[in-house]
Amino acid sequence: MKKVVLSLALVAFLGLSLNSCRETKEKAEDAVENAADKAGEAMDDAKDAAEDAADDVKDAAEDAADEAGEAMDNAMDAANDAVDNVKEGAEKMANDVKDAANDAADNVKEAGQEAADKMKGH
């Protein structure tokens, strides 16, 4: 009877150890699966972060290009304004010279007329 009890105890022990091994194996598989899921999520997060960073760089480059274009437009406007100012100044100066020449011609005419009148009057 001792042998039967020991045999039953041995069978019970083996049965429990096999169940424990299965549970351990299942726990290990679950842990591996969870780790793989977390690694996949981390890779997805890293991919999303890289895409966001690329979008930010693209947006910054577009903004810089827009600002450079605006600066170029402003420089062109300033240059055009300067040309217009020089042109207006030159036209004003030409008109002033013309007016002065006309005034001088009128003065010469008047002086000539006065001289002619004086000659007639003597």
N, C-alpha and C. Protein backbone atom coordinates (compact mmCIF):
# COMPACT_ATOMS: atom_id res chain seq x y z
N MET A 1 0.80 -1.17 0.00
CA MET A 1 0.00 0.00 0.00
C MET A 1 0.86 1.25 0.00
N LYS A 2 2.00 1.13 0.59
CA LYS A 2 2.93 2.25 0.57
C LYS A 2 3.25 2.61 -0.86
N LYS A 3 3.45 1.61 -1.68
CA LYS A 3 3.82 1.84 -3.07
C LYS A 3 2.69 2.54 -3.81
N VAL A 4 1.48 2.14 -3.47
CA VAL A 4 0.33 2.75 -4.16
C VAL A 4 0.22 4.21 -3.76
N VAL A 5 0.39 4.54 -2.53
CA VAL A 5 0.29 5.92 -2.05
C VAL A 5 1.41 6.74 -2.66
N LEU A 6 2.61 6.17 -2.67
CA LEU A 6 3.74 6.90 -3.24
C LEU A 6 3.54 7.08 -4.74
N SER A 7 3.02 6.08 -5.40
CA SER A 7 2.75 6.18 -6.84
C SER A 7 1.72 7.27 -7.11
N LEU A 8 0.66 7.30 -6.32
CA LEU A 8 -0.36 8.33 -6.47
C LEU A 8 0.21 9.72 -6.20
N ALA A 9 1.04 9.81 -5.21
CA ALA A 9 1.67 11.09 -4.89
C ALA A 9 2.56 11.54 -6.04
N LEU A 10 3.31 10.60 -6.62
CA LEU A 10 4.18 10.90 -7.75
C LEU A 10 3.37 11.34 -8.96
N VAL A 11 2.28 10.65 -9.24
CA VAL A 11 1.42 11.01 -10.36
C VAL A 11 0.81 12.40 -10.12
N ALA A 12 0.36 12.67 -8.91
CA ALA A 12 -0.21 13.98 -8.58
C ALA A 12 0.84 15.06 -8.75
N PHE A 13 2.06 14.82 -8.29
CA PHE A 13 3.15 15.78 -8.41
C PHE A 13 3.46 16.07 -9.88
N LEU A 14 3.57 15.01 -10.69
CA LEU A 14 3.83 15.18 -12.13
C LEU A 14 2.68 15.94 -12.80
N GLY A 15 1.47 15.63 -12.43
CA GLY A 15 0.30 16.33 -13.00
C GLY A 15 0.33 17.81 -12.67
N LEU A 16 0.67 18.13 -11.44
CA LEU A 16 0.75 19.54 -11.05
C LEU A 16 1.92 20.24 -11.74
N SER A 17 3.06 19.56 -11.86
CA SER A 17 4.20 20.20 -12.51
C SER A 17 3.94 20.44 -13.98
N LEU A 18 3.27 19.51 -14.65
CA LEU A 18 2.96 19.72 -16.06
C LEU A 18 2.00 20.90 -16.21
N ASN A 19 1.02 21.00 -15.32
CA ASN A 19 0.11 22.16 -15.37
C ASN A 19 0.87 23.44 -15.10
N SER A 20 1.78 23.42 -14.17
CA SER A 20 2.59 24.60 -13.87
C SER A 20 3.43 24.98 -15.08
N CYS A 21 3.99 23.99 -15.75
CA CYS A 21 4.80 24.28 -16.93
C CYS A 21 3.95 24.90 -18.02
N ARG A 22 2.75 24.39 -18.20
CA ARG A 22 1.85 24.95 -19.22
C ARG A 22 1.51 26.39 -18.88
N GLU A 23 1.19 26.61 -17.60
CA GLU A 23 0.87 27.97 -17.18
C GLU A 23 2.07 28.89 -17.37
N THR A 24 3.25 28.41 -17.02
CA THR A 24 4.47 29.20 -17.18
C THR A 24 4.70 29.49 -18.66
N LYS A 25 4.49 28.44 -19.49
CA LYS A 25 4.67 28.62 -20.93
C LYS A 25 3.67 29.65 -21.45
N GLU A 26 2.42 29.56 -21.01
CA GLU A 26 1.41 30.52 -21.44
C GLU A 26 1.74 31.93 -20.96
N LYS A 27 2.21 32.04 -19.73
CA LYS A 27 2.60 33.35 -19.20
C LYS A 27 3.77 33.93 -19.98
N ALA A 28 4.71 33.08 -20.32
CA ALA A 28 5.86 33.53 -21.10
C ALA A 28 5.42 33.98 -22.49
N GLU A 29 4.51 33.20 -23.10
CA GLU A 29 3.99 33.58 -24.42
C GLU A 29 3.24 34.90 -24.34
N ASP A 30 2.45 35.07 -23.29
CA ASP A 30 1.73 36.33 -23.12
C ASP A 30 2.70 37.50 -22.93
N ALA A 31 3.75 37.28 -22.15
CA ALA A 31 4.74 38.34 -21.92
C ALA A 31 5.45 38.71 -23.22
N VAL A 32 5.79 37.67 -24.03
CA VAL A 32 6.44 37.94 -25.31
C VAL A 32 5.48 38.70 -26.22
N GLU A 33 4.22 38.28 -26.25
CA GLU A 33 3.22 38.94 -27.09
C GLU A 33 3.03 40.40 -26.65
N ASN A 34 2.95 40.62 -25.34
CA ASN A 34 2.79 41.98 -24.81
C ASN A 34 4.01 42.84 -25.17
N ALA A 35 5.20 42.26 -25.03
CA ALA A 35 6.41 42.99 -25.37
C ALA A 35 6.44 43.34 -26.85
N ALA A 36 6.01 42.40 -27.70
CA ALA A 36 5.96 42.65 -29.14
C ALA A 36 4.95 43.75 -29.45
N ASP A 37 3.80 43.71 -28.78
CA ASP A 37 2.79 44.75 -28.99
C ASP A 37 3.34 46.12 -28.58
N LYS A 38 3.99 46.16 -27.44
CA LYS A 38 4.55 47.44 -26.97
C LYS A 38 5.64 47.93 -27.89
N ALA A 39 6.45 47.02 -28.41
CA ALA A 39 7.50 47.41 -29.35
C ALA A 39 6.87 47.95 -30.64
N GLY A 40 5.81 47.30 -31.10
CA GLY A 40 5.10 47.77 -32.29
C GLY A 40 4.50 49.15 -32.07
N GLU A 41 3.90 49.35 -30.90
CA GLU A 41 3.34 50.66 -30.58
C GLU A 41 4.43 51.72 -30.51
N ALA A 42 5.56 51.36 -29.91
CA ALA A 42 6.69 52.30 -29.82
C ALA A 42 7.19 52.66 -31.22
N MET A 43 7.25 51.68 -32.11
CA MET A 43 7.69 51.96 -33.48
C MET A 43 6.67 52.84 -34.19
N ASP A 44 5.38 52.59 -33.97
CA ASP A 44 4.35 53.44 -34.57
C ASP A 44 4.47 54.87 -34.05
N ASP A 45 4.69 54.99 -32.74
CA ASP A 45 4.86 56.32 -32.16
C ASP A 45 6.08 57.02 -32.73
N ALA A 46 7.18 56.29 -32.88
CA ALA A 46 8.39 56.87 -33.44
C ALA A 46 8.16 57.29 -34.90
N LYS A 47 7.43 56.47 -35.64
CA LYS A 47 7.11 56.80 -37.04
C LYS A 47 6.27 58.07 -37.09
N ASP A 48 5.24 58.14 -36.22
CA ASP A 48 4.39 59.33 -36.18
C ASP A 48 5.20 60.57 -35.82
N ALA A 49 6.09 60.43 -34.85
CA ALA A 49 6.92 61.56 -34.44
C ALA A 49 7.83 62.01 -35.58
N ALA A 50 8.39 61.04 -36.32
CA ALA A 50 9.25 61.38 -37.46
C ALA A 50 8.45 62.08 -38.55
N GLU A 51 7.23 61.61 -38.80
CA GLU A 51 6.38 62.25 -39.80
C GLU A 51 6.01 63.67 -39.37
N ASP A 52 5.69 63.82 -38.08
CA ASP A 52 5.37 65.16 -37.57
C ASP A 52 6.57 66.10 -37.70
N ALA A 53 7.75 65.58 -37.38
CA ALA A 53 8.96 66.40 -37.50
C ALA A 53 9.21 66.78 -38.96
N ALA A 54 9.00 65.84 -39.86
CA ALA A 54 9.18 66.13 -41.29
C ALA A 54 8.17 67.18 -41.75
N ASP A 55 6.93 67.07 -41.28
CA ASP A 55 5.92 68.07 -41.62
C ASP A 55 6.30 69.44 -41.07
N ASP A 56 6.82 69.46 -39.84
CA ASP A 56 7.24 70.73 -39.25
C ASP A 56 8.38 71.36 -40.04
N VAL A 57 9.33 70.54 -40.47
CA VAL A 57 10.46 71.05 -41.27
C VAL A 57 9.93 71.59 -42.60
N LYS A 58 9.01 70.84 -43.22
CA LYS A 58 8.44 71.27 -44.50
C LYS A 58 7.70 72.60 -44.32
N ASP A 59 6.90 72.70 -43.26
CA ASP A 59 6.15 73.94 -43.00
C ASP A 59 7.11 75.11 -42.75
N ALA A 60 8.17 74.85 -41.99
CA ALA A 60 9.15 75.92 -41.72
C ALA A 60 9.83 76.37 -43.01
N ALA A 61 10.14 75.42 -43.87
CA ALA A 61 10.79 75.77 -45.15
C ALA A 61 9.83 76.58 -46.02
N GLU A 62 8.56 76.18 -46.05
CA GLU A 62 7.57 76.94 -46.82
C GLU A 62 7.41 78.34 -46.26
N ASP A 63 7.37 78.46 -44.92
CA ASP A 63 7.25 79.78 -44.30
C ASP A 63 8.46 80.65 -44.64
N ALA A 64 9.65 80.05 -44.58
CA ALA A 64 10.86 80.81 -44.90
C ALA A 64 10.85 81.25 -46.36
N ALA A 65 10.39 80.38 -47.25
CA ALA A 65 10.31 80.75 -48.67
C ALA A 65 9.30 81.88 -48.87
N ASP A 66 8.17 81.81 -48.17
CA ASP A 66 7.17 82.87 -48.27
C ASP A 66 7.73 84.19 -47.76
N GLU A 67 8.42 84.15 -46.63
CA GLU A 67 9.01 85.36 -46.07
C GLU A 67 10.09 85.93 -46.99
N ALA A 68 10.88 85.05 -47.59
CA ALA A 68 11.90 85.51 -48.53
C ALA A 68 11.24 86.17 -49.74
N GLY A 69 10.16 85.58 -50.22
CA GLY A 69 9.42 86.17 -51.34
C GLY A 69 8.87 87.54 -50.98
N GLU A 70 8.31 87.65 -49.77
CA GLU A 70 7.79 88.94 -49.32
C GLU A 70 8.91 89.96 -49.20
N ALA A 71 10.06 89.54 -48.68
CA ALA A 71 11.20 90.45 -48.55
C ALA A 71 11.65 90.91 -49.94
N MET A 72 11.66 89.99 -50.89
CA MET A 72 12.04 90.35 -52.26
C MET A 72 11.04 91.33 -52.85
N ASP A 73 9.75 91.09 -52.63
CA ASP A 73 8.72 92.01 -53.12
C ASP A 73 8.89 93.39 -52.49
N ASN A 74 9.15 93.42 -51.19
CA ASN A 74 9.35 94.70 -50.50
C ASN A 74 10.57 95.43 -51.05
N ALA A 75 11.64 94.69 -51.33
CA ALA A 75 12.84 95.31 -51.89
C ALA A 75 12.56 95.87 -53.28
N MET A 76 11.81 95.11 -54.08
CA MET A 76 11.45 95.59 -55.42
C MET A 76 10.58 96.85 -55.32
N ASP A 77 9.63 96.84 -54.40
CA ASP A 77 8.79 98.02 -54.22
C ASP A 77 9.62 99.23 -53.81
N ALA A 78 10.56 99.03 -52.89
CA ALA A 78 11.42 100.12 -52.45
C ALA A 78 12.28 100.63 -53.60
N ALA A 79 12.80 99.72 -54.41
CA ALA A 79 13.62 100.13 -55.56
C ALA A 79 12.76 100.90 -56.56
N ASN A 80 11.56 100.41 -56.82
CA ASN A 80 10.66 101.12 -57.74
C ASN A 80 10.30 102.50 -57.21
N ASP A 81 10.06 102.59 -55.91
CA ASP A 81 9.77 103.90 -55.30
C ASP A 81 10.96 104.84 -55.45
N ALA A 82 12.16 104.31 -55.25
CA ALA A 82 13.36 105.14 -55.38
C ALA A 82 13.51 105.63 -56.82
N VAL A 83 13.26 104.76 -57.79
CA VAL A 83 13.34 105.16 -59.20
C VAL A 83 12.30 106.23 -59.49
N ASP A 84 11.09 106.02 -58.99
CA ASP A 84 10.03 107.01 -59.20
C ASP A 84 10.41 108.35 -58.58
N ASN A 85 10.98 108.33 -57.38
CA ASN A 85 11.39 109.57 -56.72
C ASN A 85 12.48 110.28 -57.51
N VAL A 86 13.45 109.53 -58.03
CA VAL A 86 14.52 110.13 -58.82
C VAL A 86 13.93 110.73 -60.10
N LYS A 87 13.01 109.99 -60.70
CA LYS A 87 12.38 110.44 -61.94
C LYS A 87 11.60 111.74 -61.68
N GLU A 88 10.82 111.75 -60.60
CA GLU A 88 10.06 112.96 -60.25
C GLU A 88 11.00 114.13 -59.97
N GLY A 89 12.09 113.85 -59.26
CA GLY A 89 13.07 114.91 -58.96
C GLY A 89 13.71 115.44 -60.23
N ALA A 90 14.02 114.57 -61.16
CA ALA A 90 14.63 115.00 -62.42
C ALA A 90 13.64 115.82 -63.23
N GLU A 91 12.38 115.40 -63.26
CA GLU A 91 11.36 116.16 -63.98
C GLU A 91 11.18 117.54 -63.36
N LYS A 92 11.17 117.59 -62.03
CA LYS A 92 11.02 118.87 -61.34
C LYS A 92 12.22 119.77 -61.66
N MET A 93 13.40 119.19 -61.64
CA MET A 93 14.60 119.97 -61.93
C MET A 93 14.56 120.48 -63.38
N ALA A 94 14.13 119.63 -64.31
CA ALA A 94 14.04 120.04 -65.71
C ALA A 94 13.02 121.16 -65.86
N ASN A 95 11.90 121.05 -65.17
CA ASN A 95 10.89 122.12 -65.23
C ASN A 95 11.43 123.41 -64.63
N ASP A 96 12.18 123.30 -63.53
CA ASP A 96 12.77 124.49 -62.91
C ASP A 96 13.75 125.16 -63.87
N VAL A 97 14.57 124.35 -64.55
CA VAL A 97 15.54 124.90 -65.51
C VAL A 97 14.81 125.56 -66.66
N LYS A 98 13.76 124.91 -67.15
CA LYS A 98 12.96 125.47 -68.25
C LYS A 98 12.34 126.80 -67.82
N ASP A 99 11.76 126.82 -66.62
CA ASP A 99 11.16 128.06 -66.12
C ASP A 99 12.20 129.16 -65.99
N ALA A 100 13.38 128.81 -65.47
CA ALA A 100 14.45 129.81 -65.32
C ALA A 100 14.90 130.32 -66.68
N ALA A 101 15.01 129.43 -67.67
CA ALA A 101 15.40 129.85 -69.03
C ALA A 101 14.33 130.76 -69.62
N ASN A 102 13.08 130.43 -69.43
CA ASN A 102 11.99 131.28 -69.93
C ASN A 102 12.01 132.63 -69.25
N ASP A 103 12.24 132.62 -67.93
CA ASP A 103 12.32 133.89 -67.20
C ASP A 103 13.49 134.72 -67.71
N ALA A 104 14.62 134.08 -67.96
CA ALA A 104 15.79 134.80 -68.47
C ALA A 104 15.50 135.35 -69.86
N ALA A 105 14.84 134.56 -70.69
CA ALA A 105 14.48 135.04 -72.04
C ALA A 105 13.53 136.22 -71.95
N ASP A 106 12.55 136.13 -71.04
CA ASP A 106 11.62 137.24 -70.85
C ASP A 106 12.35 138.49 -70.38
N ASN A 107 13.29 138.31 -69.46
CA ASN A 107 14.09 139.44 -68.96
C ASN A 107 14.91 140.07 -70.09
N VAL A 108 15.49 139.20 -70.93
CA VAL A 108 16.28 139.72 -72.05
C VAL A 108 15.37 140.48 -73.01
N LYS A 109 14.18 139.96 -73.28
CA LYS A 109 13.22 140.64 -74.16
C LYS A 109 12.85 142.00 -73.60
N GLU A 110 12.53 142.00 -72.30
CA GLU A 110 12.14 143.26 -71.65
C GLU A 110 13.29 144.27 -71.72
N ALA A 111 14.48 143.77 -71.42
CA ALA A 111 15.64 144.68 -71.46
C ALA A 111 15.85 145.19 -72.88
N GLY A 112 15.69 144.31 -73.86
CA GLY A 112 15.81 144.74 -75.27
C GLY A 112 14.74 145.74 -75.64
N GLN A 113 13.51 145.53 -75.18
CA GLN A 113 12.41 146.44 -75.48
C GLN A 113 12.66 147.78 -74.82
N GLU A 114 13.14 147.75 -73.58
CA GLU A 114 13.43 149.01 -72.87
C GLU A 114 14.54 149.76 -73.59
N ALA A 115 15.54 149.02 -74.03
CA ALA A 115 16.64 149.67 -74.74
C ALA A 115 16.12 150.26 -76.05
N ALA A 116 15.25 149.54 -76.74
CA ALA A 116 14.72 150.06 -77.99
C ALA A 116 13.86 151.28 -77.74
N ASP A 117 13.05 151.25 -76.66
CA ASP A 117 12.21 152.38 -76.32
C ASP A 117 13.06 153.59 -75.97
N LYS A 118 14.17 153.39 -75.29
CA LYS A 118 15.05 154.49 -74.92
C LYS A 118 15.68 155.09 -76.18
N MET A 119 16.00 154.26 -77.12
CA MET A 119 16.63 154.75 -78.34
C MET A 119 15.63 155.58 -79.15
N LYS A 120 14.40 155.16 -79.16
CA LYS A 120 13.38 155.89 -79.89
C LYS A 120 13.07 157.21 -79.21
N GLY A 121 13.11 157.21 -77.96
CA GLY A 121 12.74 158.39 -77.18
C GLY A 121 13.81 159.45 -77.22
N HIS A 122 14.96 159.23 -77.60
CA HIS A 122 16.00 160.24 -77.63
C HIS A 122 16.03 160.92 -78.86
